Structures are given as C-alpha cells and as structure tokens.
Amino acid sequence: MQRSFLQCYFEAFHRIEGWFSYDAALMFMAYNQLVSEQGINGDTLEIGVYFGLSAIAVAAMRGGGRRFYAIDLFENLDTNPAYCLGSVYREAFEQNMKSMFDPVDFMVPISSASGSCSPPALHKHFRSAMWMEDTLPKRPLTI
C-alpha cells in the first residue's frame, strides 16, 4: 500500500530540522481546506523556510498548477553555524522539498532578506501583476 502525503510528512519531522509542529501543520491544512471550499486557491509563499519543514506543508496547500515561493537568505547568509554556509543550506532545503515533491518545478526559491519582501520588490518573481488579486476572495468568506 502506498503511504499518504501526511504519513510521509509526519516521518519527515524525524529527519528535517525545524521548529514547526505536526499539529500546526494539520491546523494550517484544515484552514486551507475551508478556504479552498470557498473557491480560493492560488500561489503560496513562505518567508523564512530554513530546511523546509513548514515549507513542505505550505507548498502542499498551493492551488492546482500554482507556484510556491520560498523566501530566505540562502546564499546571502554569512557563515553561521545555525545555518551552515548559505549554498549548503539552500541545497539541504531543496533536497528536503524534493523528498516530498518530484518534480519541484512549481517552486520558486528567492534569496532575499525578509525586510525587503514588499509586494513591489517581489513583483518580478510573480507570474502575474494580479498575483494577489487573483487569489483573494471576491466575496466575504463564510467559515
């Protein structure tokens, strides 16, 4: 029998470093299901992906055919024992993502400080000038 995404993801908590909890992931996914039932599906984005533990959940919640934007310092990191060298850190993040999704052509890693992540600064990375508008609801949510 093939293991489900959630079973594989639960196992990832034992091998991927991070501060995200499995319970939090389930809450994110439950909320996402409620929002999806309202017809709201789009790109997802996470700022501060570290080794990808929470990024896996956020990427799984993107709409069909949509992208996941992963923002972190990556190569811009100084040598920091908590993060390894930036390139090694990014490779570990991408390897962890590939362990859950193959291929990962939906993923757009962005090497940037969170303080410079304003919508105008990020605009060049998004497929559409309406990246936010085409994801937001056209009517109030009923949850």
N, C-alpha and C. Protein backbone atom coordinates (compact mmCIF):
# COMPACT_ATOMS: atom_id res chain seq x y z
N MET A 1 0.84 -1.17 0.00
CA MET A 1 0.00 0.00 0.00
C MET A 1 0.90 1.25 0.00
N GLN A 2 0.53 2.21 -0.81
CA GLN A 2 1.29 3.46 -0.91
C GLN A 2 0.95 4.36 0.27
N ARG A 3 2.00 4.96 0.87
CA ARG A 3 1.80 5.86 2.00
C ARG A 3 1.23 7.18 1.52
N SER A 4 0.39 7.79 2.34
CA SER A 4 -0.22 9.08 2.00
C SER A 4 0.80 10.20 2.19
N PHE A 5 0.47 11.36 1.65
CA PHE A 5 1.32 12.54 1.84
C PHE A 5 1.51 12.82 3.32
N LEU A 6 0.42 12.77 4.10
CA LEU A 6 0.51 13.09 5.53
C LEU A 6 1.38 12.08 6.28
N GLN A 7 1.33 10.81 5.91
CA GLN A 7 2.21 9.82 6.55
C GLN A 7 3.67 10.13 6.24
N CYS A 8 3.97 10.43 4.99
CA CYS A 8 5.35 10.78 4.60
C CYS A 8 5.80 12.06 5.29
N TYR A 9 4.90 13.03 5.38
CA TYR A 9 5.24 14.30 6.01
C TYR A 9 5.50 14.10 7.50
N PHE A 10 4.70 13.28 8.17
CA PHE A 10 4.91 13.00 9.59
C PHE A 10 6.30 12.40 9.80
N GLU A 11 6.70 11.49 8.93
CA GLU A 11 8.03 10.89 9.03
C GLU A 11 9.13 11.92 8.81
N ALA A 12 8.86 12.93 8.00
CA ALA A 12 9.85 13.98 7.73
C ALA A 12 10.20 14.75 9.00
N PHE A 13 9.31 14.82 9.96
CA PHE A 13 9.57 15.53 11.21
C PHE A 13 10.72 14.90 12.00
N HIS A 14 11.02 13.66 11.71
CA HIS A 14 12.11 12.98 12.42
C HIS A 14 13.46 13.19 11.74
N ARG A 15 13.46 13.72 10.52
CA ARG A 15 14.73 13.88 9.81
C ARG A 15 15.03 15.31 9.35
N ILE A 16 14.04 16.18 9.35
CA ILE A 16 14.26 17.56 8.90
C ILE A 16 14.27 18.48 10.12
N GLU A 17 15.35 19.24 10.23
CA GLU A 17 15.46 20.20 11.33
C GLU A 17 14.45 21.31 11.16
N GLY A 18 13.90 21.78 12.26
CA GLY A 18 12.97 22.90 12.20
C GLY A 18 12.18 23.04 13.48
N TRP A 19 11.40 24.11 13.54
CA TRP A 19 10.65 24.44 14.74
C TRP A 19 9.14 24.31 14.53
N PHE A 20 8.72 23.79 13.40
CA PHE A 20 7.31 23.64 13.08
C PHE A 20 6.79 22.36 13.71
N SER A 21 5.55 22.35 14.18
CA SER A 21 4.99 21.13 14.76
C SER A 21 3.99 20.49 13.80
N TYR A 22 3.85 19.19 13.93
CA TYR A 22 2.91 18.45 13.09
C TYR A 22 1.48 18.93 13.35
N ASP A 23 1.16 19.22 14.61
CA ASP A 23 -0.17 19.74 14.94
C ASP A 23 -0.44 21.07 14.23
N ALA A 24 0.56 21.94 14.18
CA ALA A 24 0.40 23.22 13.48
C ALA A 24 0.17 22.97 11.99
N ALA A 25 0.88 22.02 11.43
CA ALA A 25 0.70 21.69 10.01
C ALA A 25 -0.73 21.23 9.74
N LEU A 26 -1.26 20.39 10.62
CA LEU A 26 -2.64 19.92 10.45
C LEU A 26 -3.63 21.06 10.55
N MET A 27 -3.38 22.01 11.45
CA MET A 27 -4.27 23.19 11.57
C MET A 27 -4.20 24.03 10.30
N PHE A 28 -3.00 24.27 9.77
CA PHE A 28 -2.85 25.01 8.51
C PHE A 28 -3.65 24.33 7.41
N MET A 29 -3.52 23.00 7.32
CA MET A 29 -4.19 22.26 6.25
C MET A 29 -5.70 22.26 6.41
N ALA A 30 -6.17 22.18 7.65
CA ALA A 30 -7.62 22.24 7.89
C ALA A 30 -8.17 23.60 7.47
N TYR A 31 -7.48 24.66 7.84
CA TYR A 31 -7.92 26.01 7.45
C TYR A 31 -7.87 26.15 5.93
N ASN A 32 -6.82 25.63 5.32
CA ASN A 32 -6.70 25.70 3.87
C ASN A 32 -7.86 24.97 3.18
N GLN A 33 -8.27 23.85 3.75
CA GLN A 33 -9.40 23.11 3.17
C GLN A 33 -10.67 23.95 3.22
N LEU A 34 -10.91 24.64 4.34
CA LEU A 34 -12.08 25.51 4.45
C LEU A 34 -12.03 26.63 3.42
N VAL A 35 -10.87 27.23 3.24
CA VAL A 35 -10.71 28.32 2.27
C VAL A 35 -10.88 27.79 0.85
N SER A 36 -10.32 26.62 0.57
CA SER A 36 -10.45 26.02 -0.77
C SER A 36 -11.89 25.73 -1.12
N GLU A 37 -12.67 25.33 -0.12
CA GLU A 37 -14.10 25.08 -0.35
C GLU A 37 -14.84 26.34 -0.76
N GLN A 38 -14.26 27.50 -0.47
CA GLN A 38 -14.83 28.79 -0.87
C GLN A 38 -14.34 29.19 -2.27
N GLY A 39 -13.57 28.31 -2.91
CA GLY A 39 -13.08 28.59 -4.26
C GLY A 39 -11.82 29.43 -4.29
N ILE A 40 -11.12 29.52 -3.18
CA ILE A 40 -9.90 30.33 -3.12
C ILE A 40 -8.70 29.39 -3.16
N ASN A 41 -8.01 29.41 -4.27
CA ASN A 41 -6.81 28.59 -4.47
C ASN A 41 -5.82 29.44 -5.24
N GLY A 42 -4.60 29.40 -4.84
CA GLY A 42 -3.61 30.22 -5.55
C GLY A 42 -2.21 29.82 -5.19
N ASP A 43 -1.28 30.72 -5.49
CA ASP A 43 0.11 30.53 -5.14
C ASP A 43 0.24 30.59 -3.62
N THR A 44 1.29 29.97 -3.08
CA THR A 44 1.58 30.10 -1.66
C THR A 44 3.00 30.63 -1.51
N LEU A 45 3.28 31.21 -0.35
CA LEU A 45 4.56 31.85 -0.11
C LEU A 45 4.93 31.66 1.35
N GLU A 46 6.20 31.39 1.60
CA GLU A 46 6.69 31.34 2.97
C GLU A 46 7.97 32.15 3.06
N ILE A 47 8.04 32.99 4.07
CA ILE A 47 9.25 33.77 4.34
C ILE A 47 9.96 33.11 5.51
N GLY A 48 11.20 32.70 5.29
CA GLY A 48 11.98 32.03 6.32
C GLY A 48 11.77 30.53 6.29
N VAL A 49 12.24 29.87 5.24
CA VAL A 49 11.95 28.44 5.04
C VAL A 49 12.91 27.49 5.75
N TYR A 50 14.08 28.00 6.20
CA TYR A 50 15.08 27.20 6.89
C TYR A 50 15.35 25.92 6.10
N PHE A 51 15.14 24.75 6.67
CA PHE A 51 15.39 23.50 5.95
C PHE A 51 14.13 22.93 5.31
N GLY A 52 13.00 23.63 5.41
CA GLY A 52 11.81 23.26 4.66
C GLY A 52 10.72 22.52 5.40
N LEU A 53 10.83 22.36 6.71
CA LEU A 53 9.84 21.58 7.44
C LEU A 53 8.43 22.15 7.28
N SER A 54 8.25 23.44 7.51
CA SER A 54 6.93 24.05 7.32
C SER A 54 6.68 24.35 5.84
N ALA A 55 7.73 24.59 5.07
CA ALA A 55 7.59 24.89 3.65
C ALA A 55 6.92 23.73 2.90
N ILE A 56 7.16 22.52 3.33
CA ILE A 56 6.53 21.35 2.70
C ILE A 56 5.01 21.47 2.83
N ALA A 57 4.53 21.82 4.02
CA ALA A 57 3.09 21.97 4.23
C ALA A 57 2.54 23.13 3.42
N VAL A 58 3.24 24.26 3.44
CA VAL A 58 2.77 25.45 2.70
C VAL A 58 2.73 25.16 1.20
N ALA A 59 3.74 24.47 0.69
CA ALA A 59 3.76 24.13 -0.74
C ALA A 59 2.62 23.18 -1.10
N ALA A 60 2.30 22.27 -0.20
CA ALA A 60 1.21 21.32 -0.45
C ALA A 60 -0.15 22.01 -0.53
N MET A 61 -0.26 23.21 0.04
CA MET A 61 -1.54 23.92 0.05
C MET A 61 -1.75 24.84 -1.15
N ARG A 62 -0.80 24.88 -2.06
CA ARG A 62 -0.97 25.75 -3.24
C ARG A 62 -2.08 25.18 -4.12
N GLY A 63 -2.68 26.05 -4.91
CA GLY A 63 -3.72 25.61 -5.83
C GLY A 63 -3.13 24.78 -6.97
N GLY A 64 -3.97 24.02 -7.65
CA GLY A 64 -3.52 23.21 -8.78
C GLY A 64 -2.85 24.05 -9.85
N GLY A 65 -1.65 23.65 -10.26
CA GLY A 65 -0.92 24.37 -11.30
C GLY A 65 -0.30 25.68 -10.81
N ARG A 66 -0.36 25.94 -9.53
CA ARG A 66 0.15 27.20 -8.98
C ARG A 66 1.55 27.00 -8.42
N ARG A 67 2.17 28.11 -8.03
CA ARG A 67 3.55 28.10 -7.57
C ARG A 67 3.66 28.25 -6.05
N PHE A 68 4.82 27.83 -5.56
CA PHE A 68 5.20 28.04 -4.15
C PHE A 68 6.47 28.88 -4.16
N TYR A 69 6.43 30.01 -3.46
CA TYR A 69 7.56 30.92 -3.37
C TYR A 69 8.23 30.72 -2.01
N ALA A 70 9.51 30.38 -2.03
CA ALA A 70 10.29 30.12 -0.81
C ALA A 70 11.31 31.23 -0.64
N ILE A 71 11.12 32.05 0.38
CA ILE A 71 12.00 33.20 0.59
C ILE A 71 12.86 32.97 1.82
N ASP A 72 14.16 33.11 1.63
CA ASP A 72 15.10 33.04 2.75
C ASP A 72 16.40 33.67 2.30
N LEU A 73 17.32 33.82 3.23
CA LEU A 73 18.60 34.46 2.90
C LEU A 73 19.47 33.57 2.01
N PHE A 74 19.35 32.27 2.12
CA PHE A 74 20.12 31.31 1.33
C PHE A 74 21.56 31.78 1.14
N GLU A 75 21.96 32.07 -0.10
CA GLU A 75 23.34 32.42 -0.40
C GLU A 75 23.78 33.73 0.26
N ASN A 76 22.84 34.54 0.70
CA ASN A 76 23.17 35.82 1.32
C ASN A 76 23.56 35.68 2.79
N LEU A 77 23.48 34.46 3.33
CA LEU A 77 23.84 34.25 4.74
C LEU A 77 25.33 34.37 4.94
N ASP A 78 25.71 35.00 6.02
CA ASP A 78 27.10 34.96 6.44
C ASP A 78 27.35 33.55 6.97
N THR A 79 28.58 33.19 7.14
CA THR A 79 28.87 31.90 7.75
C THR A 79 28.26 31.91 9.14
N ASN A 80 27.32 31.02 9.36
CA ASN A 80 26.58 30.98 10.61
C ASN A 80 26.38 29.52 10.97
N PRO A 81 26.90 29.07 12.12
CA PRO A 81 26.79 27.66 12.46
C PRO A 81 25.36 27.14 12.49
N ALA A 82 24.39 28.00 12.73
CA ALA A 82 22.99 27.55 12.78
C ALA A 82 22.46 27.24 11.39
N TYR A 83 23.04 27.85 10.36
CA TYR A 83 22.52 27.68 9.01
C TYR A 83 23.52 27.04 8.05
N CYS A 84 24.70 26.70 8.48
CA CYS A 84 25.75 26.21 7.59
C CYS A 84 26.13 27.34 6.64
N LEU A 85 26.81 27.02 5.59
CA LEU A 85 27.04 28.01 4.55
C LEU A 85 25.76 28.15 3.75
N GLY A 86 25.49 29.34 3.25
CA GLY A 86 24.25 29.59 2.54
C GLY A 86 23.95 28.60 1.43
N SER A 87 24.95 28.26 0.62
CA SER A 87 24.70 27.34 -0.50
C SER A 87 24.39 25.94 0.00
N VAL A 88 25.06 25.50 1.07
CA VAL A 88 24.79 24.18 1.64
C VAL A 88 23.38 24.16 2.23
N TYR A 89 23.02 25.24 2.89
CA TYR A 89 21.70 25.39 3.49
C TYR A 89 20.61 25.33 2.42
N ARG A 90 20.81 26.03 1.30
CA ARG A 90 19.83 26.01 0.22
C ARG A 90 19.73 24.61 -0.38
N GLU A 91 20.86 23.94 -0.57
CA GLU A 91 20.85 22.58 -1.12
C GLU A 91 20.06 21.64 -0.21
N ALA A 92 20.25 21.77 1.10
CA ALA A 92 19.51 20.93 2.05
C ALA A 92 18.01 21.22 1.96
N PHE A 93 17.65 22.49 1.88
CA PHE A 93 16.24 22.87 1.73
C PHE A 93 15.66 22.24 0.47
N GLU A 94 16.34 22.40 -0.66
CA GLU A 94 15.82 21.88 -1.92
C GLU A 94 15.75 20.36 -1.91
N GLN A 95 16.71 19.70 -1.28
CA GLN A 95 16.69 18.24 -1.18
C GLN A 95 15.49 17.78 -0.35
N ASN A 96 15.22 18.48 0.74
CA ASN A 96 14.06 18.13 1.57
C ASN A 96 12.75 18.32 0.80
N MET A 97 12.66 19.37 0.00
CA MET A 97 11.47 19.58 -0.81
C MET A 97 11.33 18.46 -1.84
N LYS A 98 12.44 18.08 -2.47
CA LYS A 98 12.40 17.00 -3.48
C LYS A 98 12.03 15.66 -2.86
N SER A 99 12.31 15.48 -1.57
CA SER A 99 11.96 14.22 -0.93
C SER A 99 10.43 14.07 -0.79
N MET A 100 9.71 15.19 -0.88
CA MET A 100 8.25 15.16 -0.75
C MET A 100 7.52 15.42 -2.06
N PHE A 101 8.15 16.15 -2.95
CA PHE A 101 7.54 16.51 -4.24
C PHE A 101 8.55 16.22 -5.34
N ASP A 102 8.12 15.55 -6.36
CA ASP A 102 9.02 15.34 -7.50
C ASP A 102 8.17 15.36 -8.75
N PRO A 103 8.37 16.30 -9.63
CA PRO A 103 9.41 17.34 -9.64
C PRO A 103 9.01 18.54 -8.77
N VAL A 104 9.95 19.45 -8.59
CA VAL A 104 9.69 20.67 -7.81
C VAL A 104 9.69 21.90 -8.72
N ASP A 105 9.24 21.72 -9.94
CA ASP A 105 9.23 22.83 -10.89
C ASP A 105 8.22 23.93 -10.53
N PHE A 106 7.38 23.68 -9.56
CA PHE A 106 6.42 24.68 -9.08
C PHE A 106 7.06 25.64 -8.08
N MET A 107 8.25 25.30 -7.60
CA MET A 107 8.89 26.05 -6.52
C MET A 107 9.78 27.16 -7.07
N VAL A 108 9.67 28.34 -6.46
CA VAL A 108 10.49 29.49 -6.84
C VAL A 108 11.25 29.96 -5.60
N PRO A 109 12.50 29.51 -5.42
CA PRO A 109 13.29 30.00 -4.29
C PRO A 109 13.76 31.43 -4.56
N ILE A 110 13.63 32.28 -3.56
CA ILE A 110 14.05 33.68 -3.68
C ILE A 110 15.02 33.97 -2.54
N SER A 111 16.22 34.36 -2.88
CA SER A 111 17.23 34.69 -1.88
C SER A 111 17.12 36.17 -1.54
N SER A 112 16.51 36.45 -0.38
CA SER A 112 16.24 37.83 -0.01
C SER A 112 16.05 37.93 1.50
N ALA A 113 16.37 39.09 2.05
CA ALA A 113 16.08 39.37 3.45
C ALA A 113 14.59 39.67 3.60
N SER A 114 14.00 39.24 4.69
CA SER A 114 12.56 39.44 4.86
C SER A 114 12.18 40.92 4.88
N GLY A 115 13.08 41.78 5.33
CA GLY A 115 12.79 43.21 5.36
C GLY A 115 12.63 43.84 3.99
N SER A 116 13.10 43.16 2.96
CA SER A 116 12.96 43.70 1.60
C SER A 116 11.89 42.96 0.80
N CYS A 117 10.99 42.27 1.48
CA CYS A 117 9.97 41.46 0.81
C CYS A 117 8.63 42.19 0.68
N SER A 118 8.65 43.41 0.20
CA SER A 118 7.40 44.13 -0.04
C SER A 118 6.82 43.66 -1.37
N PRO A 119 5.51 43.78 -1.58
CA PRO A 119 4.93 43.37 -2.87
C PRO A 119 5.64 43.99 -4.08
N PRO A 120 5.97 45.28 -4.09
CA PRO A 120 6.67 45.81 -5.27
C PRO A 120 8.04 45.15 -5.49
N ALA A 121 8.76 44.86 -4.41
CA ALA A 121 10.07 44.22 -4.54
C ALA A 121 9.95 42.79 -5.03
N LEU A 122 8.87 42.12 -4.68
CA LEU A 122 8.67 40.72 -5.07
C LEU A 122 7.98 40.58 -6.42
N HIS A 123 7.41 41.65 -6.92
CA HIS A 123 6.62 41.60 -8.15
C HIS A 123 7.33 40.88 -9.29
N LYS A 124 8.62 41.07 -9.45
CA LYS A 124 9.34 40.46 -10.57
C LYS A 124 9.33 38.94 -10.53
N HIS A 125 9.04 38.35 -9.36
CA HIS A 125 9.04 36.90 -9.24
C HIS A 125 7.69 36.27 -9.53
N PHE A 126 6.64 37.06 -9.53
CA PHE A 126 5.31 36.50 -9.70
C PHE A 126 4.89 36.50 -11.17
N ARG A 127 4.09 35.50 -11.53
CA ARG A 127 3.66 35.31 -12.91
C ARG A 127 2.76 36.42 -13.41
N SER A 128 2.05 37.04 -12.52
CA SER A 128 1.01 37.98 -12.91
C SER A 128 1.08 39.22 -12.05
N ALA A 129 0.80 40.35 -12.67
CA ALA A 129 0.74 41.59 -11.90
C ALA A 129 -0.41 41.52 -10.91
N MET A 130 -1.35 40.63 -11.12
CA MET A 130 -2.50 40.47 -10.26
C MET A 130 -2.32 39.29 -9.31
N TRP A 131 -1.09 39.00 -8.93
CA TRP A 131 -0.82 37.82 -8.10
C TRP A 131 -1.67 37.79 -6.85
N MET A 132 -1.92 38.92 -6.25
CA MET A 132 -2.71 38.95 -5.03
C MET A 132 -4.19 38.96 -5.37
N GLU A 133 -4.56 39.77 -6.33
CA GLU A 133 -5.97 39.94 -6.67
C GLU A 133 -6.60 38.64 -7.14
N ASP A 134 -5.85 37.82 -7.92
CA ASP A 134 -6.48 36.60 -8.42
C ASP A 134 -6.52 35.49 -7.36
N THR A 135 -5.97 35.73 -6.18
CA THR A 135 -6.03 34.77 -5.08
C THR A 135 -7.05 35.18 -4.03
N LEU A 136 -7.27 36.46 -3.87
CA LEU A 136 -8.18 36.95 -2.85
C LEU A 136 -9.64 36.64 -3.22
N PRO A 137 -10.49 36.46 -2.20
CA PRO A 137 -11.89 36.16 -2.47
C PRO A 137 -12.61 37.36 -3.07
N LYS A 138 -13.59 37.09 -3.91
CA LYS A 138 -14.41 38.14 -4.50
C LYS A 138 -15.59 38.48 -3.59
N ARG A 139 -15.78 37.64 -2.57
CA ARG A 139 -16.88 37.84 -1.63
C ARG A 139 -16.38 37.47 -0.24
N PRO A 140 -17.08 37.85 0.81
CA PRO A 140 -16.64 37.50 2.17
C PRO A 140 -16.61 36.00 2.37
N LEU A 141 -15.66 35.53 3.14
CA LEU A 141 -15.57 34.11 3.46
C LEU A 141 -16.66 33.72 4.45
N THR A 142 -17.19 32.53 4.30
CA THR A 142 -18.13 32.01 5.28
C THR A 142 -17.51 30.72 5.83
N ILE A 143 -16.99 30.83 7.03
CA ILE A 143 -16.32 29.67 7.64
C ILE A 143 -17.03 29.32 8.93
